[in-house]
């Protein structure tokens, strides 16, 4: 599986599914990383979502519980199984050298797998790091912020 470094025609990061799996166009702009995540999430591929985290990255699927490695992929797959898109609205981006604090409002809304309306939202408090390739990846993805 490769990671694409280009952006789509609208200058936004893109996700391309290939025979070898998803290719995620990571960004060189910290404030664009939530959009990269949303595009990976909306592809429906847990492998695509995993590419937006650095090795050893942490995901907090519910307040007080952090996961990493295969458990991170599985926890994101649980959200993907809802079959609903996520929308993100970055509120603040604070960058110090190769570390960024991202405050992001997000919403998952629609008809769930059981036919009932589902609405989940939060304000994420995320930490990203710029890798040696100049691309940003999550170190900590905490979608429920301070909850």
N, C-alpha and C. Protein backbone atom coordinates (compact mmCIF):
# COMPACT_ATOMS: atom_id res chain seq x y z
N UNK A 1 0.85 -1.16 0.00
CA UNK A 1 0.00 0.00 0.00
C UNK A 1 0.90 1.23 0.00
N UNK A 2 0.60 2.20 -0.84
CA UNK A 2 1.40 3.40 -0.90
C UNK A 2 0.60 4.59 -0.40
N UNK A 3 1.32 5.64 -0.05
CA UNK A 3 0.66 6.87 0.38
C UNK A 3 0.91 7.91 -0.69
N UNK A 4 -0.15 8.44 -1.26
CA UNK A 4 -0.06 9.46 -2.29
C UNK A 4 0.27 10.79 -1.63
N UNK A 5 1.00 11.64 -2.35
CA UNK A 5 1.33 12.95 -1.78
C UNK A 5 0.72 14.09 -2.58
N UNK A 6 -0.13 13.79 -3.52
CA UNK A 6 -0.74 14.84 -4.32
C UNK A 6 -2.08 15.25 -3.72
N UNK A 7 -2.62 16.33 -4.28
CA UNK A 7 -3.94 16.78 -3.85
C UNK A 7 -4.88 16.72 -5.04
N UNK A 8 -6.18 16.69 -4.77
CA UNK A 8 -7.18 16.63 -5.82
C UNK A 8 -7.28 17.95 -6.56
N UNK A 9 -8.10 17.98 -7.64
CA UNK A 9 -8.23 19.19 -8.45
C UNK A 9 -8.78 20.39 -7.68
N UNK A 10 -9.47 20.15 -6.58
CA UNK A 10 -9.97 21.26 -5.78
C UNK A 10 -8.97 21.65 -4.69
N UNK A 11 -7.73 21.16 -4.83
CA UNK A 11 -6.65 21.43 -3.89
C UNK A 11 -6.91 20.83 -2.52
N UNK A 12 -7.79 19.88 -2.44
CA UNK A 12 -8.06 19.20 -1.19
C UNK A 12 -7.46 17.80 -1.24
N UNK A 13 -7.06 17.26 -0.10
CA UNK A 13 -6.51 15.91 -0.08
C UNK A 13 -7.55 14.92 -0.58
N UNK A 14 -7.07 13.83 -1.14
CA UNK A 14 -8.00 12.85 -1.68
C UNK A 14 -7.63 11.45 -1.22
N UNK A 15 -8.57 10.53 -1.37
CA UNK A 15 -8.35 9.12 -1.10
C UNK A 15 -8.69 8.37 -2.38
N UNK A 16 -7.78 7.52 -2.83
CA UNK A 16 -8.00 6.72 -4.01
C UNK A 16 -7.92 5.26 -3.62
N UNK A 17 -8.95 4.49 -3.95
CA UNK A 17 -8.92 3.06 -3.68
C UNK A 17 -8.33 2.36 -4.89
N UNK A 18 -7.32 1.53 -4.65
CA UNK A 18 -6.66 0.80 -5.72
C UNK A 18 -6.76 -0.68 -5.44
N UNK A 19 -6.27 -1.48 -6.37
CA UNK A 19 -6.28 -2.93 -6.18
C UNK A 19 -5.45 -3.33 -4.97
N UNK A 20 -4.52 -2.46 -4.58
CA UNK A 20 -3.65 -2.76 -3.43
C UNK A 20 -4.16 -2.14 -2.14
N UNK A 21 -5.32 -1.52 -2.17
CA UNK A 21 -5.87 -0.86 -1.00
C UNK A 21 -5.99 0.63 -1.22
N UNK A 22 -6.34 1.35 -0.17
CA UNK A 22 -6.55 2.79 -0.31
C UNK A 22 -5.23 3.56 -0.32
N UNK A 23 -5.17 4.60 -1.09
CA UNK A 23 -4.05 5.54 -1.07
C UNK A 23 -4.60 6.84 -0.52
N UNK A 24 -3.98 7.36 0.51
CA UNK A 24 -4.43 8.58 1.16
C UNK A 24 -3.42 9.68 0.86
N UNK A 25 -3.91 10.80 0.35
CA UNK A 25 -3.04 11.95 0.11
C UNK A 25 -2.93 12.74 1.41
N UNK A 26 -1.84 12.52 2.12
CA UNK A 26 -1.60 13.27 3.35
C UNK A 26 -1.22 14.70 3.00
N UNK A 27 -1.33 15.59 3.97
CA UNK A 27 -1.12 17.01 3.71
C UNK A 27 0.15 17.54 4.36
N UNK A 28 0.67 18.62 3.80
CA UNK A 28 1.80 19.33 4.38
C UNK A 28 1.32 20.52 5.21
N UNK A 29 0.01 20.72 5.29
CA UNK A 29 -0.59 21.83 6.04
C UNK A 29 -1.34 21.26 7.24
N UNK A 30 -0.88 21.57 8.44
CA UNK A 30 -1.48 20.99 9.65
C UNK A 30 -2.98 21.20 9.72
N UNK A 31 -3.46 22.38 9.40
CA UNK A 31 -4.88 22.69 9.50
C UNK A 31 -5.75 21.93 8.52
N UNK A 32 -5.13 21.32 7.51
CA UNK A 32 -5.88 20.52 6.54
C UNK A 32 -6.00 19.05 6.95
N UNK A 33 -5.28 18.66 8.00
CA UNK A 33 -5.28 17.24 8.38
C UNK A 33 -6.68 16.72 8.75
N UNK A 34 -7.52 17.49 9.43
CA UNK A 34 -8.88 16.97 9.69
C UNK A 34 -9.64 16.65 8.40
N UNK A 35 -9.42 17.42 7.35
CA UNK A 35 -10.07 17.14 6.07
C UNK A 35 -9.53 15.85 5.47
N UNK A 36 -8.23 15.61 5.63
CA UNK A 36 -7.64 14.34 5.18
C UNK A 36 -8.32 13.19 5.92
N UNK A 37 -8.47 13.35 7.24
CA UNK A 37 -9.15 12.31 8.02
C UNK A 37 -10.56 12.07 7.51
N UNK A 38 -11.32 13.14 7.29
CA UNK A 38 -12.71 13.00 6.85
C UNK A 38 -12.78 12.28 5.51
N UNK A 39 -11.90 12.61 4.59
CA UNK A 39 -11.92 11.93 3.29
C UNK A 39 -11.58 10.45 3.43
N UNK A 40 -10.62 10.15 4.29
CA UNK A 40 -10.28 8.75 4.54
C UNK A 40 -11.47 8.03 5.18
N UNK A 41 -12.08 8.65 6.19
CA UNK A 41 -13.24 8.07 6.87
C UNK A 41 -14.38 7.85 5.88
N UNK A 42 -14.66 8.84 5.07
CA UNK A 42 -15.79 8.76 4.15
C UNK A 42 -15.56 7.80 2.99
N UNK A 43 -14.32 7.32 2.84
CA UNK A 43 -14.05 6.27 1.85
C UNK A 43 -14.62 4.94 2.32
N UNK A 44 -14.87 4.83 3.65
CA UNK A 44 -15.39 3.59 4.22
C UNK A 44 -14.32 2.56 4.50
N UNK A 45 -13.06 2.90 4.30
CA UNK A 45 -11.97 1.95 4.46
C UNK A 45 -11.21 2.18 5.76
N UNK A 46 -11.19 1.16 6.62
CA UNK A 46 -10.42 1.25 7.86
C UNK A 46 -8.93 1.38 7.55
N UNK A 47 -8.47 0.76 6.46
CA UNK A 47 -7.07 0.89 6.07
C UNK A 47 -6.74 2.33 5.70
N UNK A 48 -7.65 3.00 5.00
CA UNK A 48 -7.43 4.41 4.65
C UNK A 48 -7.35 5.25 5.91
N UNK A 49 -8.25 5.02 6.84
CA UNK A 49 -8.25 5.79 8.09
C UNK A 49 -6.95 5.55 8.86
N UNK A 50 -6.46 4.34 8.87
CA UNK A 50 -5.22 4.03 9.61
C UNK A 50 -4.03 4.81 9.08
N UNK A 51 -4.05 5.18 7.81
CA UNK A 51 -2.92 5.90 7.22
C UNK A 51 -2.78 7.32 7.74
N UNK A 52 -3.81 7.88 8.35
CA UNK A 52 -3.72 9.25 8.84
C UNK A 52 -3.12 9.34 10.24
N UNK A 53 -2.74 8.18 10.82
CA UNK A 53 -2.11 8.11 12.13
C UNK A 53 -0.64 7.72 11.95
N UNK A 54 0.21 8.25 12.82
CA UNK A 54 1.58 7.77 12.80
C UNK A 54 1.64 6.44 13.55
N UNK A 55 2.68 5.67 13.30
CA UNK A 55 2.86 4.41 14.03
C UNK A 55 2.87 4.72 15.52
N UNK A 56 2.10 3.97 16.28
CA UNK A 56 2.01 4.21 17.72
C UNK A 56 1.00 5.28 18.09
N UNK A 57 0.29 5.82 17.08
CA UNK A 57 -0.72 6.83 17.35
C UNK A 57 -1.82 6.29 18.26
N UNK A 58 -2.50 7.20 18.93
CA UNK A 58 -3.55 6.86 19.90
C UNK A 58 -4.89 7.40 19.42
N UNK A 59 -5.93 6.58 19.55
CA UNK A 59 -7.31 6.99 19.28
C UNK A 59 -8.10 6.80 20.57
N UNK A 60 -8.95 7.76 20.88
CA UNK A 60 -9.79 7.71 22.08
C UNK A 60 -11.24 7.53 21.60
N UNK A 61 -11.71 6.27 21.43
CA UNK A 61 -13.04 6.04 20.87
C UNK A 61 -14.19 6.42 21.80
N UNK A 62 -13.89 6.52 23.08
CA UNK A 62 -14.86 6.98 24.06
C UNK A 62 -14.07 7.60 25.21
N UNK A 63 -14.64 8.56 25.90
CA UNK A 63 -13.90 9.22 26.97
C UNK A 63 -13.31 8.22 27.96
N UNK A 64 -12.02 8.40 28.23
CA UNK A 64 -11.35 7.56 29.22
C UNK A 64 -10.74 6.28 28.68
N UNK A 65 -10.89 5.98 27.40
CA UNK A 65 -10.34 4.73 26.84
C UNK A 65 -9.52 5.05 25.60
N UNK A 66 -8.23 4.73 25.65
CA UNK A 66 -7.37 4.95 24.50
C UNK A 66 -6.95 3.61 23.91
N UNK A 67 -6.80 3.60 22.58
CA UNK A 67 -6.38 2.39 21.88
C UNK A 67 -5.29 2.76 20.89
N UNK A 68 -4.50 1.77 20.51
CA UNK A 68 -3.43 1.96 19.54
C UNK A 68 -3.27 0.67 18.74
N UNK A 69 -2.52 0.72 17.67
CA UNK A 69 -2.25 -0.47 16.86
C UNK A 69 -3.51 -1.07 16.27
N UNK A 70 -3.61 -2.41 16.29
CA UNK A 70 -4.79 -3.06 15.72
C UNK A 70 -6.10 -2.65 16.40
N UNK A 71 -6.04 -2.32 17.68
CA UNK A 71 -7.25 -1.89 18.39
C UNK A 71 -7.71 -0.52 17.88
N UNK A 72 -6.78 0.33 17.46
CA UNK A 72 -7.14 1.62 16.86
C UNK A 72 -7.90 1.39 15.56
N UNK A 73 -7.38 0.51 14.72
CA UNK A 73 -8.04 0.19 13.46
C UNK A 73 -9.43 -0.38 13.71
N UNK A 74 -9.54 -1.29 14.68
CA UNK A 74 -10.83 -1.91 14.99
C UNK A 74 -11.83 -0.88 15.52
N UNK A 75 -11.37 0.03 16.37
CA UNK A 75 -12.27 1.05 16.93
C UNK A 75 -12.77 1.98 15.83
N UNK A 76 -11.89 2.36 14.91
CA UNK A 76 -12.35 3.18 13.79
C UNK A 76 -13.29 2.39 12.89
N UNK A 77 -13.06 1.10 12.73
CA UNK A 77 -13.95 0.26 11.92
C UNK A 77 -15.36 0.23 12.52
N UNK A 78 -15.45 0.30 13.85
CA UNK A 78 -16.77 0.34 14.49
C UNK A 78 -17.54 1.60 14.07
N UNK A 79 -16.85 2.74 14.02
CA UNK A 79 -17.50 3.97 13.55
C UNK A 79 -17.84 3.87 12.07
N UNK A 80 -16.94 3.29 11.27
CA UNK A 80 -17.19 3.13 9.84
C UNK A 80 -18.40 2.24 9.59
N UNK A 81 -18.62 1.26 10.46
CA UNK A 81 -19.73 0.31 10.30
C UNK A 81 -21.09 1.01 10.38
N UNK A 82 -21.12 2.22 10.90
CA UNK A 82 -22.37 2.97 10.93
C UNK A 82 -22.83 3.30 9.51
N UNK A 83 -21.88 3.32 8.58
CA UNK A 83 -22.21 3.58 7.18
C UNK A 83 -22.59 5.03 6.91
N UNK A 84 -22.18 5.92 7.78
CA UNK A 84 -22.53 7.34 7.64
C UNK A 84 -21.27 8.18 7.47
N UNK A 85 -21.36 9.26 6.71
CA UNK A 85 -20.20 10.13 6.54
C UNK A 85 -19.97 11.01 7.75
N UNK A 86 -18.76 11.47 7.86
CA UNK A 86 -18.42 12.45 8.89
C UNK A 86 -18.18 13.80 8.21
N UNK A 87 -18.59 14.87 8.85
CA UNK A 87 -18.21 16.20 8.38
C UNK A 87 -17.38 16.84 9.49
N UNK A 88 -16.36 17.56 9.09
CA UNK A 88 -15.46 18.18 10.06
C UNK A 88 -15.37 19.68 9.78
N UNK A 89 -15.22 20.43 10.85
CA UNK A 89 -15.08 21.88 10.76
C UNK A 89 -13.97 22.31 11.71
N UNK A 90 -12.73 22.41 11.20
CA UNK A 90 -11.62 22.84 12.07
C UNK A 90 -11.92 24.21 12.68
N UNK A 91 -11.75 24.28 13.98
CA UNK A 91 -12.02 25.53 14.70
C UNK A 91 -10.72 26.28 14.98
N UNK A 92 -9.69 25.57 15.46
CA UNK A 92 -8.40 26.18 15.77
C UNK A 92 -7.29 25.21 15.39
N UNK A 93 -6.19 25.77 14.92
CA UNK A 93 -4.97 25.01 14.66
C UNK A 93 -3.82 25.79 15.27
N UNK A 94 -3.08 25.15 16.17
CA UNK A 94 -1.93 25.77 16.81
C UNK A 94 -0.71 24.91 16.49
N UNK A 95 0.31 25.52 15.86
CA UNK A 95 1.48 24.76 15.43
C UNK A 95 2.72 25.28 16.13
N UNK A 96 3.50 24.36 16.67
CA UNK A 96 4.82 24.66 17.24
C UNK A 96 5.79 23.67 16.62
N UNK A 97 6.61 24.16 15.71
CA UNK A 97 7.57 23.31 14.99
C UNK A 97 6.83 22.18 14.29
N UNK A 98 7.07 20.94 14.70
CA UNK A 98 6.47 19.78 14.03
C UNK A 98 5.30 19.18 14.78
N UNK A 99 4.74 19.92 15.74
CA UNK A 99 3.59 19.46 16.53
C UNK A 99 2.43 20.43 16.31
N UNK A 100 1.23 19.89 16.16
CA UNK A 100 0.04 20.74 16.00
C UNK A 100 -1.06 20.28 16.93
N UNK A 101 -1.73 21.24 17.55
CA UNK A 101 -2.94 21.00 18.32
C UNK A 101 -4.10 21.42 17.43
N UNK A 102 -5.02 20.49 17.18
CA UNK A 102 -6.16 20.73 16.29
C UNK A 102 -7.44 20.61 17.10
N UNK A 103 -8.24 21.66 17.08
CA UNK A 103 -9.55 21.66 17.73
C UNK A 103 -10.56 21.62 16.59
N UNK A 104 -11.36 20.56 16.56
CA UNK A 104 -12.19 20.30 15.38
C UNK A 104 -13.61 19.90 15.79
N UNK A 105 -14.60 20.62 15.30
CA UNK A 105 -16.00 20.22 15.47
C UNK A 105 -16.32 19.20 14.39
N UNK A 106 -17.04 18.14 14.77
CA UNK A 106 -17.38 17.09 13.81
C UNK A 106 -18.78 16.57 14.06
N UNK A 107 -19.38 16.01 13.00
CA UNK A 107 -20.74 15.47 13.08
C UNK A 107 -20.82 14.21 12.22
N UNK A 108 -21.45 13.19 12.76
CA UNK A 108 -21.90 12.01 12.00
C UNK A 108 -23.41 12.00 12.15
N UNK A 109 -24.14 12.07 11.04
CA UNK A 109 -25.59 12.20 11.11
C UNK A 109 -26.24 11.47 9.93
N UNK A 110 -27.30 10.75 10.21
CA UNK A 110 -28.04 10.08 9.15
C UNK A 110 -28.81 8.89 9.69
N UNK A 111 -29.22 8.04 8.77
CA UNK A 111 -29.94 6.83 9.13
C UNK A 111 -28.94 5.71 9.37
N UNK A 112 -28.95 5.18 10.58
CA UNK A 112 -28.02 4.12 10.95
C UNK A 112 -28.39 2.78 10.34
N UNK A 113 -27.54 1.79 10.56
CA UNK A 113 -27.77 0.45 9.99
C UNK A 113 -29.10 -0.18 10.42
N UNK A 114 -29.61 0.24 11.59
CA UNK A 114 -30.87 -0.32 12.09
C UNK A 114 -32.09 0.46 11.58
N UNK A 115 -31.86 1.46 10.74
CA UNK A 115 -32.97 2.25 10.19
C UNK A 115 -33.37 3.44 11.03
N UNK A 116 -32.79 3.58 12.21
CA UNK A 116 -33.11 4.71 13.09
C UNK A 116 -32.16 5.87 12.82
N UNK A 117 -32.66 7.08 13.09
CA UNK A 117 -31.82 8.26 12.94
C UNK A 117 -30.70 8.22 13.97
N UNK A 118 -29.49 8.57 13.54
CA UNK A 118 -28.32 8.56 14.40
C UNK A 118 -27.63 9.91 14.29
N UNK A 119 -27.31 10.51 15.41
CA UNK A 119 -26.60 11.78 15.42
C UNK A 119 -25.54 11.71 16.51
N UNK A 120 -24.28 11.82 16.09
CA UNK A 120 -23.15 11.85 17.01
C UNK A 120 -22.34 13.09 16.65
N UNK A 121 -21.96 13.86 17.64
CA UNK A 121 -21.13 15.02 17.36
C UNK A 121 -20.20 15.27 18.53
N UNK A 122 -19.18 16.04 18.26
CA UNK A 122 -18.23 16.37 19.30
C UNK A 122 -17.28 17.44 18.84
N UNK A 123 -16.42 17.82 19.76
CA UNK A 123 -15.31 18.72 19.44
C UNK A 123 -14.04 17.98 19.81
N UNK A 124 -13.29 17.65 18.79
CA UNK A 124 -12.06 16.88 18.98
C UNK A 124 -10.94 17.77 19.46
N UNK A 125 -10.10 17.19 20.30
CA UNK A 125 -8.83 17.79 20.70
C UNK A 125 -7.77 16.81 20.23
N UNK A 126 -7.12 17.15 19.12
CA UNK A 126 -6.20 16.23 18.46
C UNK A 126 -4.79 16.81 18.44
N UNK A 127 -3.81 15.90 18.43
CA UNK A 127 -2.42 16.27 18.29
C UNK A 127 -1.88 15.57 17.06
N UNK A 128 -1.24 16.34 16.18
CA UNK A 128 -0.62 15.79 14.98
C UNK A 128 0.86 16.14 14.97
N UNK A 129 1.63 15.30 14.24
CA UNK A 129 3.06 15.56 14.11
C UNK A 129 3.43 15.52 12.62
N UNK A 130 4.27 16.45 12.22
CA UNK A 130 4.80 16.45 10.86
C UNK A 130 5.94 15.44 10.80
N UNK A 131 5.82 14.48 9.89
CA UNK A 131 6.84 13.45 9.75
C UNK A 131 8.02 13.95 8.95
N UNK A 132 9.05 13.11 8.84
CA UNK A 132 10.25 13.48 8.09
C UNK A 132 9.95 13.71 6.61
N UNK A 133 8.78 13.20 6.15
CA UNK A 133 8.36 13.42 4.76
C UNK A 133 7.58 14.73 4.59
N UNK A 134 7.42 15.49 5.69
CA UNK A 134 6.71 16.76 5.63
C UNK A 134 5.20 16.63 5.75
N UNK A 135 4.68 15.40 5.88
CA UNK A 135 3.25 15.14 5.96
C UNK A 135 2.80 15.00 7.42
N UNK A 136 1.57 15.46 7.70
CA UNK A 136 1.01 15.43 9.05
C UNK A 136 0.25 14.13 9.28
N UNK A 137 0.37 13.58 10.49
CA UNK A 137 -0.36 12.39 10.92
C UNK A 137 -0.77 12.57 12.39
N UNK A 138 -1.87 11.95 12.76
CA UNK A 138 -2.30 12.03 14.16
C UNK A 138 -1.36 11.26 15.06
N UNK A 139 -1.00 11.89 16.20
CA UNK A 139 -0.34 11.22 17.30
C UNK A 139 -1.43 10.83 18.30
N UNK A 140 -2.36 11.77 18.54
CA UNK A 140 -3.51 11.53 19.43
C UNK A 140 -4.75 12.05 18.72
N UNK A 141 -5.74 11.19 18.59
CA UNK A 141 -7.04 11.55 18.01
C UNK A 141 -8.07 11.36 19.12
N UNK A 142 -8.51 12.47 19.70
CA UNK A 142 -9.45 12.44 20.82
C UNK A 142 -10.74 13.14 20.38
N UNK A 143 -11.64 12.40 19.71
CA UNK A 143 -12.82 13.03 19.13
C UNK A 143 -13.80 13.64 20.11
N UNK A 144 -13.74 13.22 21.37
CA UNK A 144 -14.69 13.76 22.33
C UNK A 144 -14.04 14.81 23.24
N UNK A 145 -12.87 15.28 22.84
CA UNK A 145 -12.22 16.41 23.49
C UNK A 145 -12.04 16.24 24.97
N UNK A 146 -12.64 17.13 25.72
CA UNK A 146 -12.46 17.14 27.17
C UNK A 146 -13.47 16.30 27.93
N UNK A 147 -14.35 15.62 27.21
CA UNK A 147 -15.40 14.82 27.87
C UNK A 147 -14.79 13.67 28.65
